[in-house]
Amino acid sequence: MVKGQKVVCVNDTFPPVIVALYKQLPVKGDVYTIREVFLGREKIVKGGDSATVGLLLEELKNPPDPFHQGKEELGFSSERFAPLEELPPKEAEEEAGIGLGAAVPSYGWN
């Protein structure tokens, strides 16, 4: 998952503590745009060997994480979302072989 990518929520079941901390939660079946991708804190907090990928979404804004010293915004586990097939605009251009400033051939049409 990358910044700008569209994702659909596949899991909107949250425990009461999460509902109390967040102002806005995703809804199953709704489409969102990834605003930021970050490494989840599970590895640091729980000392595990793996970490989850966290997401911030354009459509949802939440308060700072009260348990994070840097007061980063509360995010969501990427496991709650499935990527849509469409690519973010920049990646779609690259995949199509068209970049900003690409030359367009002139065929005398004015």
N, C-alpha and C. Protein backbone atom coordinates (compact mmCIF):
# COMPACT_ATOMS: atom_id res chain seq x y z
N MET A 1 0.84 -1.17 0.00
CA MET A 1 0.00 0.00 0.00
C MET A 1 0.89 1.24 0.00
N VAL A 2 0.46 2.23 -0.77
CA VAL A 2 1.27 3.44 -0.92
C VAL A 2 0.40 4.69 -0.76
N LYS A 3 1.06 5.78 -0.44
CA LYS A 3 0.39 7.06 -0.30
C LYS A 3 -0.35 7.40 -1.59
N GLY A 4 -1.61 7.81 -1.47
CA GLY A 4 -2.42 8.17 -2.63
C GLY A 4 -3.27 7.02 -3.16
N GLN A 5 -2.99 5.80 -2.71
CA GLN A 5 -3.73 4.63 -3.18
C GLN A 5 -5.12 4.58 -2.55
N LYS A 6 -6.08 4.11 -3.32
CA LYS A 6 -7.44 3.91 -2.82
C LYS A 6 -7.53 2.52 -2.20
N VAL A 7 -8.18 2.43 -1.04
CA VAL A 7 -8.39 1.16 -0.35
C VAL A 7 -9.84 1.09 0.10
N VAL A 8 -10.32 -0.13 0.32
CA VAL A 8 -11.67 -0.34 0.82
C VAL A 8 -11.57 -1.01 2.19
N CYS A 9 -12.37 -0.55 3.14
CA CYS A 9 -12.37 -1.12 4.48
C CYS A 9 -13.03 -2.50 4.44
N VAL A 10 -12.36 -3.49 5.01
CA VAL A 10 -12.90 -4.85 5.06
C VAL A 10 -13.17 -5.30 6.49
N ASN A 11 -12.79 -4.49 7.47
CA ASN A 11 -13.02 -4.84 8.87
C ASN A 11 -13.24 -3.57 9.67
N ASP A 12 -14.48 -3.36 10.11
CA ASP A 12 -14.78 -2.17 10.91
C ASP A 12 -15.25 -2.53 12.32
N THR A 13 -14.80 -3.68 12.81
CA THR A 13 -15.13 -4.10 14.17
C THR A 13 -14.00 -3.66 15.10
N PHE A 14 -14.33 -2.75 16.02
CA PHE A 14 -13.33 -2.19 16.93
C PHE A 14 -13.73 -2.44 18.38
N PRO A 15 -12.76 -2.69 19.25
CA PRO A 15 -13.08 -2.83 20.68
C PRO A 15 -13.49 -1.47 21.26
N PRO A 16 -14.23 -1.48 22.36
CA PRO A 16 -14.72 -0.22 22.96
C PRO A 16 -13.62 0.81 23.25
N VAL A 17 -12.43 0.36 23.66
CA VAL A 17 -11.36 1.31 23.95
C VAL A 17 -10.96 2.10 22.71
N ILE A 18 -10.97 1.47 21.54
CA ILE A 18 -10.64 2.16 20.29
C ILE A 18 -11.75 3.16 19.93
N VAL A 19 -12.98 2.73 20.09
CA VAL A 19 -14.12 3.61 19.80
C VAL A 19 -14.04 4.86 20.68
N ALA A 20 -13.59 4.71 21.92
CA ALA A 20 -13.48 5.84 22.85
C ALA A 20 -12.34 6.78 22.48
N LEU A 21 -11.24 6.25 21.93
CA LEU A 21 -10.06 7.07 21.61
C LEU A 21 -10.19 7.84 20.30
N TYR A 22 -10.84 7.25 19.31
CA TYR A 22 -10.90 7.82 17.97
C TYR A 22 -12.12 8.72 17.80
N LYS A 23 -11.99 9.72 16.93
CA LYS A 23 -13.12 10.56 16.56
C LYS A 23 -13.81 10.02 15.33
N GLN A 24 -13.02 9.46 14.39
CA GLN A 24 -13.58 8.94 13.14
C GLN A 24 -13.00 7.56 12.87
N LEU A 25 -13.89 6.62 12.56
CA LEU A 25 -13.48 5.25 12.26
C LEU A 25 -13.95 4.87 10.86
N PRO A 26 -13.20 4.00 10.19
CA PRO A 26 -13.62 3.57 8.86
C PRO A 26 -14.85 2.67 8.93
N VAL A 27 -15.59 2.62 7.83
CA VAL A 27 -16.80 1.81 7.73
C VAL A 27 -16.59 0.75 6.67
N LYS A 28 -16.93 -0.48 7.00
CA LYS A 28 -16.76 -1.59 6.07
C LYS A 28 -17.46 -1.29 4.75
N GLY A 29 -16.73 -1.49 3.65
CA GLY A 29 -17.26 -1.26 2.32
C GLY A 29 -17.00 0.13 1.78
N ASP A 30 -16.63 1.08 2.64
CA ASP A 30 -16.33 2.44 2.18
C ASP A 30 -14.90 2.51 1.62
N VAL A 31 -14.70 3.40 0.66
CA VAL A 31 -13.41 3.58 0.00
C VAL A 31 -12.71 4.79 0.61
N TYR A 32 -11.40 4.64 0.83
CA TYR A 32 -10.58 5.70 1.43
C TYR A 32 -9.30 5.87 0.62
N THR A 33 -8.65 7.03 0.83
CA THR A 33 -7.38 7.34 0.17
C THR A 33 -6.29 7.36 1.23
N ILE A 34 -5.20 6.65 0.99
CA ILE A 34 -4.10 6.62 1.96
C ILE A 34 -3.39 7.97 1.97
N ARG A 35 -3.33 8.57 3.14
CA ARG A 35 -2.64 9.85 3.34
C ARG A 35 -1.19 9.64 3.76
N GLU A 36 -0.96 8.59 4.55
CA GLU A 36 0.38 8.31 5.06
C GLU A 36 0.47 6.83 5.40
N VAL A 37 1.65 6.25 5.21
CA VAL A 37 1.93 4.86 5.57
C VAL A 37 3.05 4.89 6.61
N PHE A 38 2.89 4.14 7.71
CA PHE A 38 3.91 4.15 8.76
C PHE A 38 4.06 2.76 9.38
N LEU A 39 5.17 2.55 10.06
CA LEU A 39 5.42 1.31 10.75
C LEU A 39 4.66 1.31 12.07
N GLY A 40 3.87 0.27 12.30
CA GLY A 40 3.10 0.17 13.54
C GLY A 40 4.01 0.01 14.75
N ARG A 41 3.47 0.29 15.92
CA ARG A 41 4.28 0.28 17.13
C ARG A 41 4.34 -1.08 17.81
N GLU A 42 3.66 -2.08 17.33
CA GLU A 42 3.62 -3.37 18.00
C GLU A 42 5.00 -3.94 18.26
N LYS A 43 5.91 -3.78 17.31
CA LYS A 43 7.26 -4.31 17.47
C LYS A 43 7.96 -3.63 18.64
N ILE A 44 7.78 -2.35 18.75
CA ILE A 44 8.44 -1.58 19.80
C ILE A 44 7.79 -1.86 21.15
N VAL A 45 6.46 -1.79 21.19
CA VAL A 45 5.73 -1.93 22.45
C VAL A 45 5.73 -3.36 22.95
N LYS A 46 5.47 -4.32 22.07
CA LYS A 46 5.35 -5.72 22.49
C LYS A 46 6.64 -6.50 22.31
N GLY A 47 7.66 -5.90 21.70
CA GLY A 47 8.94 -6.56 21.53
C GLY A 47 8.94 -7.72 20.56
N GLY A 48 8.00 -7.72 19.62
CA GLY A 48 7.91 -8.82 18.67
C GLY A 48 8.92 -8.73 17.54
N ASP A 49 8.94 -9.77 16.72
CA ASP A 49 9.85 -9.81 15.59
C ASP A 49 9.27 -9.15 14.35
N SER A 50 7.98 -8.90 14.35
CA SER A 50 7.36 -8.30 13.18
C SER A 50 6.57 -7.06 13.60
N ALA A 51 6.22 -6.28 12.63
CA ALA A 51 5.45 -5.07 12.91
C ALA A 51 4.35 -4.94 11.87
N THR A 52 3.30 -4.26 12.24
CA THR A 52 2.22 -4.03 11.30
C THR A 52 2.48 -2.73 10.55
N VAL A 53 1.78 -2.57 9.46
CA VAL A 53 1.84 -1.33 8.70
C VAL A 53 0.60 -0.53 9.07
N GLY A 54 0.81 0.72 9.46
CA GLY A 54 -0.29 1.60 9.82
C GLY A 54 -0.61 2.56 8.70
N LEU A 55 -1.85 3.02 8.70
CA LEU A 55 -2.31 3.95 7.67
C LEU A 55 -3.01 5.15 8.29
N LEU A 56 -2.79 6.31 7.70
CA LEU A 56 -3.61 7.49 7.94
C LEU A 56 -4.39 7.68 6.65
N LEU A 57 -5.64 8.09 6.77
CA LEU A 57 -6.53 8.20 5.61
C LEU A 57 -6.95 9.65 5.40
N GLU A 58 -7.00 10.08 4.13
CA GLU A 58 -7.39 11.45 3.79
C GLU A 58 -8.76 11.81 4.36
N GLU A 59 -9.67 10.87 4.31
CA GLU A 59 -11.06 11.14 4.66
C GLU A 59 -11.34 11.13 6.16
N LEU A 60 -10.39 10.63 6.96
CA LEU A 60 -10.58 10.52 8.40
C LEU A 60 -9.45 11.22 9.14
N LYS A 61 -9.81 12.05 10.11
CA LYS A 61 -8.82 12.75 10.94
C LYS A 61 -9.09 12.37 12.39
N ASN A 62 -8.03 12.04 13.12
CA ASN A 62 -8.17 11.62 14.50
C ASN A 62 -7.20 12.36 15.40
N PRO A 63 -7.44 12.29 16.72
CA PRO A 63 -6.56 12.99 17.66
C PRO A 63 -5.20 12.30 17.76
N PRO A 64 -4.25 12.97 18.43
CA PRO A 64 -2.94 12.36 18.64
C PRO A 64 -3.05 11.11 19.50
N ASP A 65 -2.15 10.18 19.27
CA ASP A 65 -2.09 8.95 20.06
C ASP A 65 -1.61 9.31 21.47
N PRO A 66 -2.43 9.09 22.50
CA PRO A 66 -2.04 9.48 23.85
C PRO A 66 -0.88 8.65 24.41
N PHE A 67 -0.56 7.54 23.77
CA PHE A 67 0.51 6.67 24.25
C PHE A 67 1.81 6.84 23.46
N HIS A 68 1.83 7.79 22.52
CA HIS A 68 3.02 8.01 21.70
C HIS A 68 3.67 9.32 22.11
N GLN A 69 4.98 9.27 22.42
CA GLN A 69 5.68 10.47 22.87
C GLN A 69 5.64 11.58 21.85
N GLY A 70 5.68 11.23 20.56
CA GLY A 70 5.66 12.24 19.51
C GLY A 70 4.27 12.74 19.19
N LYS A 71 3.27 12.17 19.85
CA LYS A 71 1.86 12.56 19.67
C LYS A 71 1.41 12.46 18.21
N GLU A 72 1.89 11.40 17.52
CA GLU A 72 1.44 11.18 16.16
C GLU A 72 -0.05 10.85 16.15
N GLU A 73 -0.69 11.16 15.06
CA GLU A 73 -2.13 10.90 14.92
C GLU A 73 -2.43 9.41 15.01
N LEU A 74 -3.54 9.09 15.65
CA LEU A 74 -4.00 7.70 15.71
C LEU A 74 -4.30 7.21 14.31
N GLY A 75 -3.75 6.06 13.95
CA GLY A 75 -3.95 5.50 12.61
C GLY A 75 -4.64 4.15 12.69
N PHE A 76 -4.65 3.45 11.57
CA PHE A 76 -5.33 2.16 11.45
C PHE A 76 -4.39 1.12 10.88
N SER A 77 -4.57 -0.12 11.29
CA SER A 77 -3.79 -1.22 10.74
C SER A 77 -4.17 -1.42 9.28
N SER A 78 -3.16 -1.62 8.44
CA SER A 78 -3.42 -1.85 7.02
C SER A 78 -4.21 -3.13 6.80
N GLU A 79 -4.21 -4.03 7.77
CA GLU A 79 -4.94 -5.29 7.65
C GLU A 79 -6.45 -5.08 7.62
N ARG A 80 -6.90 -3.90 7.98
CA ARG A 80 -8.34 -3.59 7.93
C ARG A 80 -8.80 -3.17 6.54
N PHE A 81 -7.86 -3.08 5.59
CA PHE A 81 -8.17 -2.56 4.26
C PHE A 81 -7.66 -3.48 3.16
N ALA A 82 -8.35 -3.44 2.04
CA ALA A 82 -7.92 -4.14 0.83
C ALA A 82 -7.68 -3.10 -0.24
N PRO A 83 -6.59 -3.23 -0.99
CA PRO A 83 -6.32 -2.25 -2.05
C PRO A 83 -7.32 -2.39 -3.20
N LEU A 84 -7.69 -1.25 -3.76
CA LEU A 84 -8.50 -1.27 -4.97
C LEU A 84 -7.55 -1.47 -6.13
N GLU A 85 -8.05 -1.85 -7.25
CA GLU A 85 -7.21 -2.12 -8.41
C GLU A 85 -6.61 -0.86 -9.01
N GLU A 86 -7.23 0.28 -8.79
CA GLU A 86 -6.71 1.50 -9.40
C GLU A 86 -5.45 1.97 -8.68
N LEU A 87 -4.53 2.55 -9.43
CA LEU A 87 -3.27 3.05 -8.90
C LEU A 87 -3.39 4.55 -8.63
N PRO A 88 -2.57 5.08 -7.71
CA PRO A 88 -2.53 6.53 -7.53
C PRO A 88 -2.14 7.20 -8.83
N PRO A 89 -2.54 8.46 -9.06
CA PRO A 89 -2.29 9.15 -10.34
C PRO A 89 -0.85 9.06 -10.83
N LYS A 90 0.14 9.31 -9.99
CA LYS A 90 1.54 9.29 -10.42
C LYS A 90 1.94 7.90 -10.91
N GLU A 91 1.57 6.85 -10.15
CA GLU A 91 1.93 5.49 -10.54
C GLU A 91 1.17 5.07 -11.79
N ALA A 92 -0.05 5.52 -11.97
CA ALA A 92 -0.82 5.19 -13.17
C ALA A 92 -0.14 5.79 -14.40
N GLU A 93 0.38 7.02 -14.26
CA GLU A 93 1.09 7.65 -15.36
C GLU A 93 2.36 6.87 -15.70
N GLU A 94 3.10 6.47 -14.67
CA GLU A 94 4.34 5.74 -14.90
C GLU A 94 4.06 4.39 -15.55
N GLU A 95 3.00 3.72 -15.10
CA GLU A 95 2.64 2.42 -15.67
C GLU A 95 2.24 2.57 -17.13
N ALA A 96 1.58 3.67 -17.44
CA ALA A 96 1.14 3.90 -18.82
C ALA A 96 2.28 4.43 -19.69
N GLY A 97 3.40 4.77 -19.05
CA GLY A 97 4.54 5.29 -19.80
C GLY A 97 4.42 6.76 -20.11
N ILE A 98 3.53 7.42 -19.40
CA ILE A 98 3.32 8.85 -19.62
C ILE A 98 3.74 9.58 -18.35
N GLY A 99 4.65 10.50 -18.47
CA GLY A 99 5.07 11.28 -17.33
C GLY A 99 4.75 12.74 -17.56
N LEU A 100 4.83 13.53 -16.52
CA LEU A 100 4.61 14.95 -16.68
C LEU A 100 5.68 15.51 -17.59
N GLY A 101 5.29 16.34 -18.52
CA GLY A 101 6.23 16.94 -19.44
C GLY A 101 6.56 16.04 -20.62
N ALA A 102 5.83 14.95 -20.77
CA ALA A 102 6.10 14.05 -21.89
C ALA A 102 5.77 14.76 -23.19
N ALA A 103 6.58 14.50 -24.18
CA ALA A 103 6.36 15.12 -25.49
C ALA A 103 5.17 14.46 -26.17
N VAL A 104 4.35 15.28 -26.79
CA VAL A 104 3.20 14.79 -27.56
C VAL A 104 3.50 15.08 -29.02
N PRO A 105 3.50 14.05 -29.86
CA PRO A 105 3.82 14.30 -31.26
C PRO A 105 2.78 15.20 -31.94
N SER A 106 3.27 16.04 -32.82
CA SER A 106 2.40 16.94 -33.54
C SER A 106 2.09 16.35 -34.91
N TYR A 107 0.82 16.27 -35.25
CA TYR A 107 0.41 15.72 -36.53
C TYR A 107 -0.26 16.77 -37.39
N GLY A 108 -0.04 18.03 -37.05
CA GLY A 108 -0.60 19.11 -37.85
C GLY A 108 -2.04 19.43 -37.50
N TRP A 109 -2.53 18.87 -36.40
CA TRP A 109 -3.91 19.20 -35.99
C TRP A 109 -3.87 20.46 -35.13
N ASN A 110 -4.62 21.42 -35.51
CA ASN A 110 -4.68 22.66 -34.74
C ASN A 110 -6.08 22.99 -34.38
